[in-house]
Amino acid sequence: MSKASRSRRTALAVVAVACLVLAGCTQSPVKHDDRLTKAAGIARVTIVCSKDLWDEAKPDGKNISNGPENTVKATVSAISPGPRADRGLVEVSMTGTNLVAYLKELDANAHPSSWNGTPGNAAASRRVYDAIAPAIDRIKAATSPNDPEPEIVIDDTIHEKA
């Protein structure tokens, strides 16, 4: 085998390995890193969703590679009596830094590496990520200290506020 042929084969092998490595990476959505940065600056956010959806997509820390310091702390509370409570919705409140850790975990579950397989909660994680992402994108700076914290409603039967 000639030296040029060996070099060509080596180059092809390197390209093949690089493709395999890249195929195994999480396929994070566009602007994911920008969302993490923006979420870090939010004092507090409330996510309103069904209790079942929260139970399925709630953070367990298994897909956060940065260690236990990224454990998500959230307060889950029932909604006071009314139409939302009758629908089985709960309010999940967390700080922006906890939202960052939650988004990382949702991303890992919703957009997994092809080598790791698809987690059982991938669909629920995708639904929650896909609801949170555009809401974060729309958040504007508060105009006064009395502005309410952002609320993200995940219920396909409730029309979102404009």
Protein backbone atom coordinates (compact mmCIF):
# COMPACT_ATOMS: atom_id res chain seq x y z
CA MET A 1 0.00 0.00 0.00
CA SER A 2 1.37 3.38 -0.95
CA LYS A 3 2.04 6.18 1.53
CA ALA A 4 -0.66 8.37 -0.13
CA SER A 5 -3.19 5.55 0.14
CA ARG A 6 -2.44 5.08 3.86
CA SER A 7 -2.76 8.83 4.44
CA ARG A 8 -6.11 8.88 2.63
CA ARG A 9 -7.38 5.92 4.71
CA THR A 10 -6.19 7.55 7.91
CA ALA A 11 -7.96 10.79 6.98
CA LEU A 12 -11.16 8.89 6.19
CA ALA A 13 -10.94 7.04 9.50
CA VAL A 14 -10.52 10.33 11.39
CA VAL A 15 -13.53 11.82 9.58
CA ALA A 16 -15.61 8.70 10.31
CA VAL A 17 -14.74 8.80 14.03
CA ALA A 18 -15.52 12.53 14.17
CA CYS A 19 -18.93 11.90 12.57
CA LEU A 20 -19.70 9.16 15.08
CA VAL A 21 -18.72 11.38 17.99
CA LEU A 22 -20.85 14.25 16.71
CA ALA A 23 -23.81 11.93 16.09
CA GLY A 24 -23.70 10.93 19.75
CA CYS A 25 -23.97 14.47 21.09
CA THR A 26 -27.21 15.93 22.41
CA GLN A 27 -28.93 17.86 19.66
CA SER A 28 -29.82 20.98 21.62
CA PRO A 29 -32.27 23.37 19.95
CA VAL A 30 -31.10 26.59 18.36
CA LYS A 31 -30.53 29.36 20.93
CA HIS A 32 -30.41 26.87 23.84
CA ASP A 33 -27.32 28.51 25.35
CA ASP A 34 -28.88 31.97 24.95
CA ARG A 35 -31.98 30.73 26.81
CA LEU A 36 -29.85 29.40 29.66
CA THR A 37 -28.17 32.78 29.99
CA LYS A 38 -31.49 34.64 29.94
CA ALA A 39 -33.09 32.20 32.41
CA ALA A 40 -30.19 32.77 34.83
CA GLY A 41 -31.23 36.42 35.07
CA ILE A 42 -34.86 35.70 35.99
CA ALA A 43 -35.59 36.13 39.70
CA ARG A 44 -38.47 33.64 39.78
CA VAL A 45 -40.76 31.92 37.27
CA THR A 46 -43.96 29.91 37.64
CA ILE A 47 -44.84 27.02 35.37
CA VAL A 48 -48.50 25.99 35.34
CA CYS A 49 -49.10 22.46 34.06
CA SER A 50 -50.99 19.30 34.88
CA LYS A 51 -49.76 17.38 37.89
CA ASP A 52 -49.23 14.34 35.67
CA LEU A 53 -47.03 16.30 33.23
CA TRP A 54 -44.94 17.67 36.10
CA ASP A 55 -44.60 14.20 37.62
CA GLU A 56 -43.42 12.82 34.27
CA ALA A 57 -40.99 15.63 33.41
CA LYS A 58 -39.90 16.78 36.85
CA PRO A 59 -36.16 16.91 37.35
CA ASP A 60 -34.42 13.92 38.84
CA GLY A 61 -30.83 15.03 38.31
CA LYS A 62 -29.86 11.92 36.34
CA ASN A 63 -29.12 13.80 33.11
CA ILE A 64 -27.28 16.76 34.57
CA SER A 65 -23.59 16.15 34.06
CA ASN A 66 -22.38 19.05 36.16
CA GLY A 67 -22.91 17.32 39.49
CA PRO A 68 -25.32 17.59 42.41
CA GLU A 69 -24.96 21.37 42.67
CA ASN A 70 -27.34 21.56 39.72
CA THR A 71 -30.18 19.82 41.53
CA VAL A 72 -33.40 21.68 40.75
CA LYS A 73 -35.30 23.09 43.70
CA ALA A 74 -38.91 23.88 42.90
CA THR A 75 -42.03 24.52 44.94
CA VAL A 76 -45.10 22.68 43.68
CA SER A 77 -48.48 23.85 44.92
CA ALA A 78 -52.07 23.17 44.07
CA ILE A 79 -53.94 25.96 42.39
CA SER A 80 -56.64 27.60 44.48
CA PRO A 81 -60.19 26.53 43.61
CA GLY A 82 -61.38 27.57 40.18
CA PRO A 83 -61.25 26.44 36.55
CA ARG A 84 -57.52 25.75 36.58
CA ALA A 85 -57.74 23.70 39.76
CA ASP A 86 -60.63 21.71 38.27
CA ARG A 87 -58.34 20.82 35.34
CA GLY A 88 -55.75 19.26 37.67
CA LEU A 89 -53.17 21.98 37.14
CA VAL A 90 -50.41 22.81 39.62
CA GLU A 91 -48.07 25.75 39.96
CA VAL A 92 -44.35 25.02 39.94
CA SER A 93 -42.26 27.95 41.12
CA MET A 94 -38.48 28.14 40.84
CA THR A 95 -35.69 30.66 40.61
CA GLY A 96 -33.95 31.46 37.35
CA THR A 97 -30.85 29.50 38.32
CA ASN A 98 -33.01 26.47 39.07
CA LEU A 99 -34.72 27.00 35.71
CA VAL A 100 -31.28 26.81 34.07
CA ALA A 101 -30.61 23.41 35.66
CA TYR A 102 -34.12 22.23 34.72
CA LEU A 103 -33.68 23.33 31.10
CA LYS A 104 -30.39 21.42 30.92
CA GLU A 105 -32.09 18.28 32.17
CA LEU A 106 -35.10 18.74 29.89
CA ASP A 107 -32.73 19.21 26.95
CA ALA A 108 -30.84 16.00 27.76
CA ASN A 109 -34.11 14.04 28.08
CA ALA A 110 -35.88 15.65 25.11
CA HIS A 111 -32.95 15.68 22.69
CA PRO A 112 -30.88 12.66 23.75
CA SER A 113 -27.69 11.34 22.27
CA SER A 114 -28.31 8.52 19.81
CA TRP A 115 -25.86 6.42 21.82
CA ASN A 116 -27.75 6.83 25.10
CA GLY A 117 -31.15 5.82 23.79
CA THR A 118 -34.40 7.64 24.36
CA PRO A 119 -35.49 8.10 27.98
CA GLY A 120 -39.02 7.10 28.92
CA ASN A 121 -39.98 10.71 29.60
CA ALA A 122 -38.66 12.11 26.30
CA ALA A 123 -42.10 13.15 24.99
CA ALA A 124 -43.07 14.91 28.22
CA SER A 125 -39.65 16.56 28.43
CA ARG A 126 -39.94 17.77 24.83
CA ARG A 127 -43.41 19.19 25.51
CA VAL A 128 -42.23 21.09 28.57
CA TYR A 129 -39.03 22.31 26.88
CA ASP A 130 -40.99 23.41 23.80
CA ALA A 131 -43.37 25.42 26.02
CA ILE A 132 -40.69 27.00 28.20
CA ALA A 133 -38.27 27.96 25.39
CA PRO A 134 -40.46 30.49 23.54
CA ALA A 135 -41.74 31.89 26.84
CA ILE A 136 -38.17 32.63 27.91
CA ASP A 137 -37.50 34.16 24.50
CA ARG A 138 -40.48 36.54 25.01
CA ILE A 139 -39.57 37.67 28.54
CA LYS A 140 -38.77 41.37 28.73
CA ALA A 141 -37.14 43.31 31.55
CA ALA A 142 -39.50 44.35 34.33
CA THR A 143 -40.70 47.94 34.15
CA SER A 144 -41.41 48.21 37.88
CA PRO A 145 -40.80 46.23 41.07
CA ASN A 146 -44.52 45.39 41.10
CA ASP A 147 -44.44 43.50 37.77
CA PRO A 148 -45.57 39.90 38.28
CA GLU A 149 -43.14 37.04 37.80
CA PRO A 150 -43.37 35.31 34.44
CA GLU A 151 -45.96 32.54 34.25
CA ILE A 152 -45.67 29.77 31.67
CA VAL A 153 -48.91 27.85 31.12
CA ILE A 154 -48.62 24.38 29.60
CA ASP A 155 -52.16 23.31 28.80
CA ASP A 156 -53.09 22.99 25.14
CA THR A 157 -56.74 23.69 25.92
CA ILE A 158 -56.04 27.13 27.42
CA HIS A 159 -55.26 29.98 25.04
CA GLU A 160 -52.10 31.82 26.06
CA LYS A 161 -52.21 35.44 27.00
CA ALA A 162 -50.77 37.69 24.29
